[in-house]
């Protein structure tokens, strides 16, 4: 190996250096000692001794388990991906071995799936994102419908009442549309063998009621 090549750390070493540097920076920013951080990790249920943290920060630790990164991030009140790709503190990094350095911001966005990669399969993440968006839309429409209903009841003129009723109907239609889309999306998720996210009480009517155990085929349909 040429001497010049020794100046460039291996990919794994670079990632560990990213995590170590950001752990040290955030720990000092919070005014914590390595022991304080070790104590917090223990409180979270995954002890990481002070000497292990010190060895990691100084680059003497040979490995860095994913579970440690997750607990360190929680202890330091940040996200694991922000330790791996410290945007703003590390200008460039590598995504995979043998790849060129790229902006850390780009690496983070691809890691989280925010920046799509054509050949990658995002699994059910897009479906769950759409589910969250539909839930938000339905809840907002229901709130606006209720507000318009109140305005219609308390209106002091016929014109104001008619305008409020028009808005109430419009919001009611939006809520129905979002609920309809939610029901179909949740059915598709179940057909994929996945469990849809829990629904808030206000949207409890989205899922069809469970059939009675002894119901006939016609009653189930």
N, C-alpha and C. Protein backbone atom coordinates (compact mmCIF):
# COMPACT_ATOMS: atom_id res chain seq x y z
N UNK A 1 0.85 -1.20 0.00
CA UNK A 1 0.00 0.00 0.00
C UNK A 1 0.88 1.24 0.00
N UNK A 2 0.58 2.22 -0.85
CA UNK A 2 1.37 3.44 -0.92
C UNK A 2 1.18 4.26 0.34
N UNK A 3 2.18 5.07 0.64
CA UNK A 3 2.10 5.90 1.84
C UNK A 3 0.92 6.86 1.78
N UNK A 4 0.63 7.36 0.56
CA UNK A 4 -0.48 8.30 0.42
C UNK A 4 -1.80 7.67 0.83
N UNK A 5 -1.96 6.38 0.54
CA UNK A 5 -3.22 5.71 0.84
C UNK A 5 -3.44 5.62 2.34
N UNK A 6 -2.34 5.63 3.13
CA UNK A 6 -2.49 5.56 4.57
C UNK A 6 -3.12 6.83 5.13
N UNK A 7 -3.10 7.91 4.35
CA UNK A 7 -3.67 9.16 4.82
C UNK A 7 -5.19 9.13 4.79
N UNK A 8 -5.77 8.16 4.13
CA UNK A 8 -7.22 8.08 4.00
C UNK A 8 -7.74 6.92 4.84
N UNK A 9 -8.50 7.21 5.89
CA UNK A 9 -9.00 6.13 6.75
C UNK A 9 -9.96 5.22 6.01
N UNK A 10 -10.00 3.98 6.43
CA UNK A 10 -10.97 3.05 5.88
C UNK A 10 -12.38 3.53 6.19
N UNK A 11 -13.34 3.04 5.40
CA UNK A 11 -14.72 3.49 5.56
C UNK A 11 -15.23 3.28 6.99
N UNK A 12 -15.01 2.09 7.54
CA UNK A 12 -15.51 1.80 8.89
C UNK A 12 -14.88 2.74 9.91
N UNK A 13 -13.59 3.02 9.74
CA UNK A 13 -12.91 3.93 10.66
C UNK A 13 -13.49 5.34 10.55
N UNK A 14 -13.84 5.73 9.32
CA UNK A 14 -14.40 7.07 9.11
C UNK A 14 -15.76 7.19 9.80
N UNK A 15 -16.60 6.16 9.67
CA UNK A 15 -17.92 6.20 10.30
C UNK A 15 -17.77 6.24 11.82
N UNK A 16 -16.86 5.41 12.36
CA UNK A 16 -16.64 5.41 13.80
C UNK A 16 -16.12 6.77 14.27
N UNK A 17 -15.27 7.39 13.45
CA UNK A 17 -14.76 8.72 13.80
C UNK A 17 -15.88 9.76 13.78
N UNK A 18 -16.82 9.63 12.84
CA UNK A 18 -17.98 10.52 12.81
C UNK A 18 -18.75 10.43 14.12
N UNK A 19 -19.06 9.19 14.52
CA UNK A 19 -19.85 8.98 15.73
C UNK A 19 -19.09 9.48 16.95
N UNK A 20 -17.82 9.11 17.05
CA UNK A 20 -17.01 9.51 18.20
C UNK A 20 -16.93 11.02 18.34
N UNK A 21 -16.70 11.69 17.21
CA UNK A 21 -16.58 13.15 17.25
C UNK A 21 -17.87 13.82 17.66
N UNK A 22 -19.00 13.30 17.16
CA UNK A 22 -20.27 13.93 17.48
C UNK A 22 -20.70 13.61 18.90
N UNK A 23 -20.41 12.40 19.38
CA UNK A 23 -20.70 12.07 20.78
C UNK A 23 -19.92 13.01 21.70
N UNK A 24 -18.65 13.18 21.43
CA UNK A 24 -17.81 14.06 22.24
C UNK A 24 -18.32 15.51 22.18
N UNK A 25 -18.67 15.97 20.97
CA UNK A 25 -19.13 17.36 20.83
C UNK A 25 -20.42 17.59 21.61
N UNK A 26 -21.40 16.67 21.45
CA UNK A 26 -22.69 16.85 22.12
C UNK A 26 -22.53 16.68 23.64
N UNK A 27 -21.70 15.75 24.05
CA UNK A 27 -21.48 15.55 25.49
C UNK A 27 -20.95 16.83 26.12
N UNK A 28 -19.95 17.46 25.50
CA UNK A 28 -19.38 18.68 26.03
C UNK A 28 -20.37 19.84 25.95
N UNK A 29 -21.17 19.85 24.88
CA UNK A 29 -22.18 20.90 24.72
C UNK A 29 -23.19 20.83 25.87
N UNK A 30 -23.48 19.61 26.33
CA UNK A 30 -24.44 19.43 27.43
C UNK A 30 -23.78 19.59 28.80
N UNK A 31 -22.46 19.80 28.79
CA UNK A 31 -21.75 19.97 30.05
C UNK A 31 -21.57 18.68 30.82
N UNK A 32 -21.56 17.55 30.12
CA UNK A 32 -21.45 16.24 30.76
C UNK A 32 -20.03 15.72 30.70
N UNK A 33 -19.67 14.95 31.72
CA UNK A 33 -18.44 14.18 31.69
C UNK A 33 -18.75 12.83 31.03
N UNK A 34 -17.70 12.07 30.74
CA UNK A 34 -17.93 10.73 30.19
C UNK A 34 -18.71 9.87 31.17
N UNK A 35 -18.50 10.09 32.48
CA UNK A 35 -19.23 9.33 33.49
C UNK A 35 -20.71 9.71 33.48
N UNK A 36 -20.99 11.00 33.29
CA UNK A 36 -22.39 11.43 33.20
C UNK A 36 -23.09 10.72 32.06
N UNK A 37 -22.42 10.63 30.92
CA UNK A 37 -23.01 9.97 29.76
C UNK A 37 -23.19 8.48 30.04
N UNK A 38 -22.20 7.87 30.69
CA UNK A 38 -22.31 6.45 31.04
C UNK A 38 -23.48 6.23 31.98
N UNK A 39 -23.68 7.11 32.93
CA UNK A 39 -24.80 6.98 33.87
C UNK A 39 -26.13 7.08 33.15
N UNK A 40 -26.21 7.99 32.18
CA UNK A 40 -27.47 8.16 31.44
C UNK A 40 -27.75 6.93 30.61
N UNK A 41 -26.72 6.34 29.98
CA UNK A 41 -26.92 5.11 29.20
C UNK A 41 -27.43 3.99 30.09
N UNK A 42 -26.90 3.91 31.29
CA UNK A 42 -27.36 2.88 32.24
C UNK A 42 -28.81 3.10 32.61
N UNK A 43 -29.20 4.36 32.81
CA UNK A 43 -30.59 4.68 33.12
C UNK A 43 -31.53 4.24 32.00
N UNK A 44 -31.03 4.30 30.76
CA UNK A 44 -31.84 3.90 29.60
C UNK A 44 -31.88 2.39 29.42
N UNK A 45 -31.12 1.65 30.23
CA UNK A 45 -31.21 0.19 30.20
C UNK A 45 -30.13 -0.51 29.41
N UNK A 46 -29.16 0.24 28.90
CA UNK A 46 -28.06 -0.37 28.14
C UNK A 46 -26.76 0.27 28.61
N UNK A 47 -26.15 -0.28 29.66
CA UNK A 47 -24.94 0.33 30.21
C UNK A 47 -23.79 0.37 29.20
N UNK A 48 -23.15 1.52 29.12
CA UNK A 48 -21.90 1.68 28.35
C UNK A 48 -20.92 2.31 29.32
N UNK A 49 -19.94 1.55 29.82
CA UNK A 49 -19.03 2.05 30.85
C UNK A 49 -18.27 3.30 30.40
N UNK A 50 -17.84 4.09 31.38
CA UNK A 50 -17.13 5.33 31.11
C UNK A 50 -15.87 5.09 30.29
N UNK A 51 -15.12 4.01 30.61
CA UNK A 51 -13.88 3.76 29.88
C UNK A 51 -14.15 3.38 28.43
N UNK A 52 -15.28 2.73 28.17
CA UNK A 52 -15.65 2.38 26.79
C UNK A 52 -15.96 3.66 26.01
N UNK A 53 -16.67 4.59 26.65
CA UNK A 53 -16.98 5.86 25.99
C UNK A 53 -15.69 6.65 25.74
N UNK A 54 -14.81 6.66 26.71
CA UNK A 54 -13.53 7.37 26.55
C UNK A 54 -12.70 6.76 25.43
N UNK A 55 -12.67 5.43 25.36
CA UNK A 55 -11.91 4.76 24.29
C UNK A 55 -12.52 5.03 22.92
N UNK A 56 -13.86 5.09 22.87
CA UNK A 56 -14.52 5.38 21.60
C UNK A 56 -14.18 6.80 21.13
N UNK A 57 -14.27 7.76 22.04
CA UNK A 57 -14.02 9.15 21.67
C UNK A 57 -12.57 9.38 21.25
N UNK A 58 -11.66 8.59 21.80
CA UNK A 58 -10.24 8.77 21.47
C UNK A 58 -9.80 7.91 20.30
N UNK A 59 -10.74 7.09 19.76
CA UNK A 59 -10.41 6.25 18.61
C UNK A 59 -9.76 4.94 18.96
N UNK A 60 -9.75 4.58 20.25
CA UNK A 60 -9.11 3.33 20.66
C UNK A 60 -10.06 2.14 20.68
N UNK A 61 -11.35 2.39 20.49
CA UNK A 61 -12.32 1.30 20.52
C UNK A 61 -12.38 0.63 19.16
N UNK A 62 -12.27 -0.69 19.13
CA UNK A 62 -12.17 -1.42 17.86
C UNK A 62 -13.50 -1.54 17.15
N UNK A 63 -14.59 -1.65 17.89
CA UNK A 63 -15.89 -1.81 17.23
C UNK A 63 -16.91 -0.87 17.86
N UNK A 64 -18.01 -0.70 17.15
CA UNK A 64 -19.06 0.21 17.61
C UNK A 64 -20.42 -0.41 17.26
N UNK A 65 -21.01 -1.20 18.17
CA UNK A 65 -22.28 -1.86 17.89
C UNK A 65 -23.41 -0.86 17.62
N UNK A 66 -24.33 -1.25 16.77
CA UNK A 66 -25.46 -0.39 16.45
C UNK A 66 -26.27 -0.06 17.69
N UNK A 67 -26.43 -1.04 18.60
CA UNK A 67 -27.23 -0.78 19.80
C UNK A 67 -26.59 0.33 20.65
N UNK A 68 -25.26 0.39 20.64
CA UNK A 68 -24.59 1.46 21.38
C UNK A 68 -24.88 2.82 20.76
N UNK A 69 -24.88 2.88 19.44
CA UNK A 69 -25.17 4.14 18.75
C UNK A 69 -26.59 4.60 19.08
N UNK A 70 -27.52 3.65 19.09
CA UNK A 70 -28.92 4.00 19.38
C UNK A 70 -29.07 4.55 20.79
N UNK A 71 -28.42 3.92 21.78
CA UNK A 71 -28.54 4.37 23.17
C UNK A 71 -27.78 5.67 23.39
N UNK A 72 -26.61 5.79 22.80
CA UNK A 72 -25.86 7.04 22.92
C UNK A 72 -26.66 8.21 22.35
N UNK A 73 -27.32 7.98 21.23
CA UNK A 73 -28.12 9.05 20.62
C UNK A 73 -29.26 9.45 21.56
N UNK A 74 -29.95 8.46 22.14
CA UNK A 74 -31.05 8.76 23.06
C UNK A 74 -30.52 9.50 24.29
N UNK A 75 -29.38 9.06 24.80
CA UNK A 75 -28.79 9.70 25.98
C UNK A 75 -28.44 11.16 25.69
N UNK A 76 -27.96 11.41 24.48
CA UNK A 76 -27.54 12.76 24.08
C UNK A 76 -28.68 13.56 23.45
N UNK A 77 -29.89 12.98 23.48
CA UNK A 77 -31.10 13.65 23.00
C UNK A 77 -30.98 14.07 21.54
N UNK A 78 -30.58 13.11 20.72
CA UNK A 78 -30.51 13.35 19.29
C UNK A 78 -30.91 12.06 18.57
N UNK A 79 -30.79 12.04 17.25
CA UNK A 79 -31.14 10.87 16.46
C UNK A 79 -29.88 10.09 16.09
N UNK A 80 -29.96 8.76 16.04
CA UNK A 80 -28.78 7.97 15.67
C UNK A 80 -28.14 8.43 14.36
N UNK A 81 -28.96 8.77 13.37
CA UNK A 81 -28.40 9.17 12.08
C UNK A 81 -27.58 10.45 12.20
N UNK A 82 -27.89 11.29 13.20
CA UNK A 82 -27.13 12.53 13.39
C UNK A 82 -25.76 12.27 13.99
N UNK A 83 -25.58 11.11 14.63
CA UNK A 83 -24.26 10.72 15.11
C UNK A 83 -23.44 10.13 13.96
N UNK A 84 -24.11 9.38 13.10
CA UNK A 84 -23.41 8.72 11.99
C UNK A 84 -23.02 9.73 10.91
N UNK A 85 -23.93 10.66 10.63
CA UNK A 85 -23.67 11.69 9.61
C UNK A 85 -23.89 13.07 10.24
N UNK A 86 -22.89 13.59 10.95
CA UNK A 86 -23.05 14.87 11.66
C UNK A 86 -23.06 16.07 10.71
N UNK A 87 -24.20 16.36 10.18
CA UNK A 87 -24.34 17.47 9.23
C UNK A 87 -23.89 18.78 9.88
N UNK A 88 -23.06 19.53 9.17
CA UNK A 88 -22.57 20.81 9.67
C UNK A 88 -21.28 20.71 10.45
N UNK A 89 -20.93 19.50 10.88
CA UNK A 89 -19.69 19.32 11.65
C UNK A 89 -18.68 18.45 10.90
N UNK A 90 -19.16 17.64 9.99
CA UNK A 90 -18.30 16.86 9.10
C UNK A 90 -18.73 17.19 7.68
N UNK A 91 -17.86 17.80 6.93
CA UNK A 91 -18.24 18.31 5.61
C UNK A 91 -18.51 17.21 4.61
N UNK A 92 -17.64 16.19 4.57
CA UNK A 92 -17.80 15.10 3.61
C UNK A 92 -17.59 13.76 4.31
N UNK A 93 -18.24 12.74 3.77
CA UNK A 93 -18.10 11.40 4.33
C UNK A 93 -18.34 10.37 3.24
N UNK A 94 -18.25 9.10 3.62
CA UNK A 94 -18.51 8.01 2.68
C UNK A 94 -19.78 7.29 3.08
N UNK A 95 -20.54 6.84 2.09
CA UNK A 95 -21.72 6.03 2.38
C UNK A 95 -21.35 4.56 2.51
N UNK A 96 -20.43 4.11 1.64
CA UNK A 96 -20.03 2.70 1.60
C UNK A 96 -18.54 2.62 1.29
N UNK A 97 -17.92 1.47 1.55
CA UNK A 97 -16.49 1.32 1.25
C UNK A 97 -16.19 1.57 -0.23
N UNK A 98 -15.01 2.07 -0.49
CA UNK A 98 -14.49 2.28 -1.85
C UNK A 98 -15.23 3.36 -2.62
N UNK A 99 -16.16 4.07 -1.98
CA UNK A 99 -16.86 5.14 -2.67
C UNK A 99 -16.18 6.48 -2.41
N UNK A 100 -16.40 7.41 -3.32
CA UNK A 100 -15.83 8.75 -3.16
C UNK A 100 -16.51 9.47 -2.01
N UNK A 101 -15.83 10.46 -1.48
CA UNK A 101 -16.43 11.30 -0.45
C UNK A 101 -17.56 12.12 -1.07
N UNK A 102 -18.64 12.26 -0.31
CA UNK A 102 -19.77 13.08 -0.76
C UNK A 102 -20.18 13.98 0.40
N UNK A 103 -20.95 15.05 0.13
CA UNK A 103 -21.42 15.90 1.23
C UNK A 103 -22.18 15.08 2.26
N UNK A 104 -21.91 15.33 3.53
CA UNK A 104 -22.56 14.59 4.61
C UNK A 104 -24.07 14.75 4.55
N UNK A 105 -24.54 15.92 4.12
CA UNK A 105 -25.98 16.16 4.01
C UNK A 105 -26.62 15.19 3.02
N UNK A 106 -25.96 14.95 1.89
CA UNK A 106 -26.49 14.00 0.90
C UNK A 106 -26.50 12.58 1.46
N UNK A 107 -25.45 12.22 2.18
CA UNK A 107 -25.38 10.88 2.76
C UNK A 107 -26.51 10.67 3.77
N UNK A 108 -26.76 11.68 4.58
CA UNK A 108 -27.83 11.57 5.58
C UNK A 108 -29.18 11.42 4.91
N UNK A 109 -29.45 12.20 3.87
CA UNK A 109 -30.76 12.17 3.22
C UNK A 109 -31.01 10.83 2.55
N UNK A 110 -29.97 10.21 2.01
CA UNK A 110 -30.16 8.89 1.41
C UNK A 110 -30.31 7.82 2.48
N UNK A 111 -29.61 8.00 3.59
CA UNK A 111 -29.69 7.05 4.69
C UNK A 111 -31.11 6.99 5.26
N UNK A 112 -31.75 8.15 5.36
CA UNK A 112 -33.10 8.22 5.92
C UNK A 112 -34.19 7.95 4.88
N UNK A 113 -33.80 7.91 3.60
CA UNK A 113 -34.78 7.69 2.55
C UNK A 113 -35.43 8.96 2.04
N UNK A 114 -35.01 10.10 2.59
CA UNK A 114 -35.57 11.37 2.14
C UNK A 114 -35.18 11.65 0.70
N UNK A 115 -33.96 11.27 0.33
CA UNK A 115 -33.53 11.38 -1.06
C UNK A 115 -33.58 9.98 -1.66
N UNK A 116 -34.44 9.80 -2.63
CA UNK A 116 -34.67 8.46 -3.19
C UNK A 116 -33.50 8.00 -4.04
N UNK A 117 -33.27 6.70 -4.00
CA UNK A 117 -32.30 6.05 -4.87
C UNK A 117 -33.09 5.10 -5.76
N UNK A 118 -33.08 5.29 -7.08
CA UNK A 118 -33.96 4.53 -7.98
C UNK A 118 -33.94 3.02 -7.77
N UNK A 119 -32.78 2.43 -7.51
CA UNK A 119 -32.73 0.98 -7.42
C UNK A 119 -33.06 0.45 -6.03
N UNK A 120 -33.27 1.34 -5.06
CA UNK A 120 -33.53 0.88 -3.69
C UNK A 120 -35.02 0.64 -3.47
N UNK A 121 -35.31 -0.34 -2.64
CA UNK A 121 -36.69 -0.64 -2.26
C UNK A 121 -36.95 -0.06 -0.88
N UNK A 122 -37.86 0.88 -0.78
CA UNK A 122 -38.16 1.53 0.49
C UNK A 122 -39.14 0.75 1.34
N UNK A 123 -39.51 -0.46 0.89
CA UNK A 123 -40.44 -1.27 1.66
C UNK A 123 -41.79 -0.58 1.81
N UNK A 124 -42.31 -0.59 3.02
CA UNK A 124 -43.62 0.01 3.28
C UNK A 124 -43.52 1.43 3.81
N UNK A 125 -42.33 1.99 3.83
CA UNK A 125 -42.17 3.35 4.35
C UNK A 125 -43.05 4.36 3.61
N UNK A 126 -43.08 4.36 2.26
CA UNK A 126 -43.96 5.32 1.58
C UNK A 126 -45.44 5.14 1.96
N UNK A 127 -45.86 3.89 2.15
CA UNK A 127 -47.25 3.64 2.54
C UNK A 127 -47.54 4.20 3.93
N UNK A 128 -46.58 4.03 4.85
CA UNK A 128 -46.79 4.55 6.20
C UNK A 128 -46.75 6.08 6.20
N UNK A 129 -45.93 6.67 5.34
CA UNK A 129 -45.91 8.13 5.23
C UNK A 129 -47.24 8.64 4.69
N UNK A 130 -47.78 7.94 3.68
CA UNK A 130 -49.09 8.34 3.13
C UNK A 130 -50.18 8.16 4.19
N UNK A 131 -50.07 7.10 4.97
CA UNK A 131 -51.04 6.86 6.05
C UNK A 131 -51.03 8.02 7.03
N UNK A 132 -49.84 8.46 7.44
CA UNK A 132 -49.75 9.57 8.38
C UNK A 132 -50.33 10.85 7.78
N UNK A 133 -50.09 11.07 6.49
CA UNK A 133 -50.62 12.26 5.83
C UNK A 133 -52.15 12.23 5.77
N UNK A 134 -52.71 11.06 5.46
CA UNK A 134 -54.16 10.93 5.39
C UNK A 134 -54.81 11.12 6.76
N UNK A 135 -54.17 10.59 7.79
CA UNK A 135 -54.69 10.77 9.14
C UNK A 135 -54.72 12.25 9.50
N UNK A 136 -53.64 12.94 9.18
CA UNK A 136 -53.56 14.38 9.47
C UNK A 136 -54.64 15.14 8.70
N UNK A 137 -54.83 14.78 7.44
CA UNK A 137 -55.85 15.45 6.62
C UNK A 137 -57.24 15.21 7.17
N UNK A 138 -57.54 13.98 7.55
CA UNK A 138 -58.87 13.63 8.06
C UNK A 138 -59.15 14.36 9.38
N UNK A 139 -58.16 14.38 10.28
CA UNK A 139 -58.36 15.05 11.57
C UNK A 139 -58.57 16.55 11.40
N UNK A 140 -57.78 17.14 10.50
CA UNK A 140 -57.93 18.58 10.25
C UNK A 140 -59.30 18.89 9.67
N UNK A 141 -59.77 18.05 8.75
CA UNK A 141 -61.09 18.27 8.14
C UNK A 141 -62.19 18.11 9.17
N UNK A 142 -62.06 17.13 10.06
CA UNK A 142 -63.07 16.94 11.11
C UNK A 142 -63.12 18.14 12.05
N UNK A 143 -61.95 18.68 12.39
CA UNK A 143 -61.90 19.86 13.26
C UNK A 143 -62.57 21.05 12.60
N UNK A 144 -62.27 21.25 11.32
CA UNK A 144 -62.87 22.38 10.60
C UNK A 144 -64.37 22.19 10.42
N UNK A 145 -64.78 20.95 10.21
CA UNK A 145 -66.22 20.67 10.08
C UNK A 145 -66.95 21.03 11.37
N UNK A 146 -66.36 20.66 12.50
CA UNK A 146 -66.98 20.96 13.79
C UNK A 146 -67.02 22.46 14.04
N UNK A 147 -65.97 23.15 13.64
CA UNK A 147 -65.92 24.60 13.82
C UNK A 147 -66.99 25.27 12.95
N UNK A 148 -67.13 24.81 11.73
CA UNK A 148 -68.15 25.38 10.83
C UNK A 148 -69.55 25.08 11.33
N UNK A 149 -69.74 23.90 11.92
CA UNK A 149 -71.06 23.55 12.48
C UNK A 149 -71.43 24.52 13.60
N UNK A 150 -70.45 24.83 14.44
CA UNK A 150 -70.70 25.77 15.55
C UNK A 150 -71.05 27.15 15.01
N UNK A 151 -70.30 27.59 13.98
CA UNK A 151 -70.58 28.91 13.40
C UNK A 151 -71.98 28.94 12.80
N UNK A 152 -72.39 27.86 12.16
CA UNK A 152 -73.73 27.81 11.55
C UNK A 152 -74.81 27.89 12.62
N UNK A 153 -74.60 27.25 13.77
CA UNK A 153 -75.60 27.26 14.84
C UNK A 153 -75.71 28.62 15.51
N UNK A 154 -74.59 29.33 15.54
CA UNK A 154 -74.59 30.62 16.25
C UNK A 154 -74.65 31.81 15.30
N UNK A 155 -74.85 31.55 14.02
CA UNK A 155 -74.88 32.65 13.05
C UNK A 155 -76.02 33.61 13.34
N UNK A 156 -75.78 34.89 13.15
CA UNK A 156 -76.79 35.91 13.42
C UNK A 156 -77.51 36.36 12.16
N UNK A 157 -77.09 35.82 11.02
CA UNK A 157 -77.77 36.16 9.77
C UNK A 157 -77.87 34.91 8.91
N UNK A 158 -78.83 34.91 8.02
CA UNK A 158 -79.03 33.76 7.15
C UNK A 158 -77.83 33.57 6.21
N UNK A 159 -77.29 34.66 5.71
CA UNK A 159 -76.16 34.56 4.78
C UNK A 159 -74.96 33.93 5.47
N UNK A 160 -74.72 34.34 6.72
CA UNK A 160 -73.59 33.79 7.47
C UNK A 160 -73.81 32.31 7.76
N UNK A 161 -75.07 31.98 8.06
CA UNK A 161 -75.39 30.57 8.34
C UNK A 161 -75.20 29.70 7.09
N UNK A 162 -75.64 30.21 5.94
CA UNK A 162 -75.51 29.43 4.69
C UNK A 162 -74.04 29.25 4.32
N UNK A 163 -73.24 30.27 4.54
CA UNK A 163 -71.81 30.16 4.24
C UNK A 163 -71.14 29.14 5.15
N UNK A 164 -71.53 29.15 6.43
CA UNK A 164 -70.97 28.18 7.37
C UNK A 164 -71.39 26.76 7.01
N UNK A 165 -72.62 26.60 6.59
CA UNK A 165 -73.11 25.27 6.19
C UNK A 165 -72.38 24.77 4.95
N UNK A 166 -72.11 25.70 4.03
CA UNK A 166 -71.38 25.32 2.82
C UNK A 166 -69.98 24.82 3.19
N UNK A 167 -69.33 25.54 4.10
CA UNK A 167 -68.00 25.13 4.52
C UNK A 167 -68.06 23.80 5.28
N UNK A 168 -69.08 23.63 6.12
CA UNK A 168 -69.21 22.39 6.88
C UNK A 168 -69.32 21.20 5.94
N UNK A 169 -70.13 21.35 4.90
CA UNK A 169 -70.28 20.27 3.92
C UNK A 169 -68.98 19.99 3.19
N UNK A 170 -68.27 21.04 2.86
CA UNK A 170 -66.99 20.89 2.15
C UNK A 170 -65.99 20.13 3.02
N UNK A 171 -65.89 20.50 4.29
CA UNK A 171 -64.96 19.81 5.18
C UNK A 171 -65.40 18.38 5.46
N UNK A 172 -66.71 18.18 5.54
CA UNK A 172 -67.21 16.83 5.76
C UNK A 172 -66.84 15.92 4.59
N UNK A 173 -66.94 16.45 3.38
CA UNK A 173 -66.56 15.67 2.19
C UNK A 173 -65.06 15.35 2.20
N UNK A 174 -64.25 16.33 2.64
CA UNK A 174 -62.81 16.08 2.72
C UNK A 174 -62.49 14.98 3.73
N UNK A 175 -63.19 14.99 4.86
CA UNK A 175 -62.96 13.97 5.88
C UNK A 175 -63.37 12.60 5.36
N UNK A 176 -64.51 12.54 4.67
CA UNK A 176 -64.98 11.26 4.13
C UNK A 176 -64.00 10.72 3.10
N UNK A 177 -63.50 11.60 2.25
CA UNK A 177 -62.55 11.18 1.22
C UNK A 177 -61.27 10.63 1.85
N UNK A 178 -60.75 11.34 2.87
CA UNK A 178 -59.53 10.89 3.53
C UNK A 178 -59.76 9.56 4.23
N UNK A 179 -60.91 9.41 4.86
CA UNK A 179 -61.23 8.15 5.56
C UNK A 179 -61.34 7.00 4.57
N UNK A 180 -61.96 7.29 3.42
CA UNK A 180 -62.11 6.26 2.39
C UNK A 180 -60.74 5.79 1.91
N UNK A 181 -59.85 6.74 1.66
CA UNK A 181 -58.50 6.39 1.22
C UNK A 181 -57.75 5.62 2.31
N UNK A 182 -57.95 6.03 3.55
CA UNK A 182 -57.31 5.35 4.68
C UNK A 182 -57.78 3.90 4.78
N UNK A 183 -59.06 3.69 4.62
CA UNK A 183 -59.59 2.32 4.74
C UNK A 183 -58.97 1.41 3.68
N UNK A 184 -58.88 1.92 2.45
CA UNK A 184 -58.30 1.10 1.38
C UNK A 184 -56.81 0.87 1.61
N UNK A 185 -56.10 1.90 2.06
CA UNK A 185 -54.67 1.75 2.32
C UNK A 185 -54.43 0.74 3.43
N UNK A 186 -55.23 0.79 4.47
CA UNK A 186 -55.05 -0.14 5.59
C UNK A 186 -55.38 -1.58 5.16
N UNK A 187 -56.34 -1.71 4.27
CA UNK A 187 -56.65 -3.04 3.76
C UNK A 187 -55.48 -3.58 2.95
N UNK A 188 -54.88 -2.72 2.11
CA UNK A 188 -53.73 -3.14 1.30
C UNK A 188 -52.54 -3.53 2.19
N UNK A 189 -52.33 -2.78 3.27
CA UNK A 189 -51.23 -3.11 4.19
C UNK A 189 -51.44 -4.47 4.83
N UNK A 190 -52.68 -4.75 5.20
CA UNK A 190 -52.96 -6.06 5.81
C UNK A 190 -52.77 -7.18 4.80
N UNK A 191 -53.15 -6.91 3.55
CA UNK A 191 -52.96 -7.92 2.51
C UNK A 191 -51.48 -8.20 2.26
N UNK A 192 -50.62 -7.21 2.57
CA UNK A 192 -49.18 -7.38 2.45
C UNK A 192 -48.59 -8.12 3.64
N UNK A 193 -49.46 -8.41 4.61
CA UNK A 193 -49.00 -9.09 5.82
C UNK A 193 -48.48 -8.12 6.87
N UNK A 194 -48.72 -6.83 6.68
CA UNK A 194 -48.24 -5.81 7.62
C UNK A 194 -49.37 -5.39 8.56
N UNK A 195 -49.00 -4.78 9.66
CA UNK A 195 -49.95 -4.25 10.63
C UNK A 195 -50.01 -2.74 10.48
N UNK A 196 -51.15 -2.18 10.12
CA UNK A 196 -51.26 -0.72 9.96
C UNK A 196 -51.06 -0.02 11.29
N UNK A 197 -50.67 1.26 11.26
CA UNK A 197 -50.53 2.03 12.50
C UNK A 197 -51.86 2.17 13.22
N UNK A 198 -51.80 2.39 14.53
CA UNK A 198 -53.03 2.63 15.29
C UNK A 198 -53.67 3.94 14.83
N UNK A 199 -54.97 3.96 14.91
CA UNK A 199 -55.72 5.17 14.54
C UNK A 199 -56.14 5.93 15.78
N UNK A 200 -56.20 7.25 15.71
CA UNK A 200 -56.71 8.03 16.84
C UNK A 200 -58.21 7.75 17.02
N UNK A 201 -58.75 7.94 18.23
CA UNK A 201 -60.17 7.65 18.49
C UNK A 201 -61.13 8.33 17.51
N UNK A 202 -60.79 9.53 17.07
CA UNK A 202 -61.68 10.27 16.16
C UNK A 202 -61.84 9.56 14.83
N UNK A 203 -60.93 8.66 14.49
CA UNK A 203 -61.00 7.94 13.22
C UNK A 203 -61.29 6.45 13.45
N UNK A 204 -61.93 6.16 14.56
CA UNK A 204 -62.22 4.78 14.90
C UNK A 204 -63.18 4.09 13.95
N UNK A 205 -63.88 4.88 13.13
CA UNK A 205 -64.84 4.28 12.19
C UNK A 205 -64.20 3.97 10.83
N UNK A 206 -62.90 4.17 10.70
CA UNK A 206 -62.24 3.90 9.42
C UNK A 206 -62.20 2.41 9.14
N UNK A 207 -61.78 1.63 10.13
CA UNK A 207 -61.74 0.17 9.95
C UNK A 207 -63.13 -0.41 10.06
N UNK A 208 -63.49 -1.32 9.16
CA UNK A 208 -64.81 -1.97 9.29
C UNK A 208 -64.85 -2.79 10.57
N UNK A 209 -66.02 -2.90 11.18
CA UNK A 209 -66.12 -3.67 12.43
C UNK A 209 -65.75 -5.13 12.21
N UNK A 210 -65.15 -5.74 13.24
CA UNK A 210 -64.81 -7.15 13.16
C UNK A 210 -66.08 -7.99 13.14
N UNK A 211 -66.17 -8.99 12.25
CA UNK A 211 -67.36 -9.84 12.23
C UNK A 211 -67.46 -10.69 13.48
N UNK A 212 -68.68 -11.00 13.87
CA UNK A 212 -68.89 -11.87 15.03
C UNK A 212 -68.29 -13.24 14.76
N UNK A 213 -67.75 -13.90 15.80
CA UNK A 213 -67.12 -15.21 15.61
C UNK A 213 -68.02 -16.23 14.94
N UNK A 214 -69.30 -16.20 15.25
CA UNK A 214 -70.25 -17.19 14.71
C UNK A 214 -71.06 -16.64 13.54
N UNK A 215 -70.60 -15.54 12.96
CA UNK A 215 -71.37 -14.93 11.87
C UNK A 215 -71.32 -15.80 10.63
N UNK A 216 -72.39 -15.75 9.84
CA UNK A 216 -72.42 -16.49 8.58
C UNK A 216 -71.57 -15.76 7.56
N UNK A 217 -71.33 -16.42 6.43
CA UNK A 217 -70.53 -15.82 5.37
C UNK A 217 -71.16 -14.53 4.88
N UNK A 218 -72.51 -14.53 4.75
CA UNK A 218 -73.21 -13.33 4.28
C UNK A 218 -73.03 -12.19 5.27
N UNK A 219 -73.10 -12.50 6.59
CA UNK A 219 -72.95 -11.46 7.60
C UNK A 219 -71.52 -10.92 7.61
N UNK A 220 -70.53 -11.78 7.33
CA UNK A 220 -69.15 -11.32 7.29
C UNK A 220 -68.92 -10.33 6.15
N UNK A 221 -69.64 -10.54 5.04
CA UNK A 221 -69.52 -9.65 3.91
C UNK A 221 -70.33 -8.39 4.10
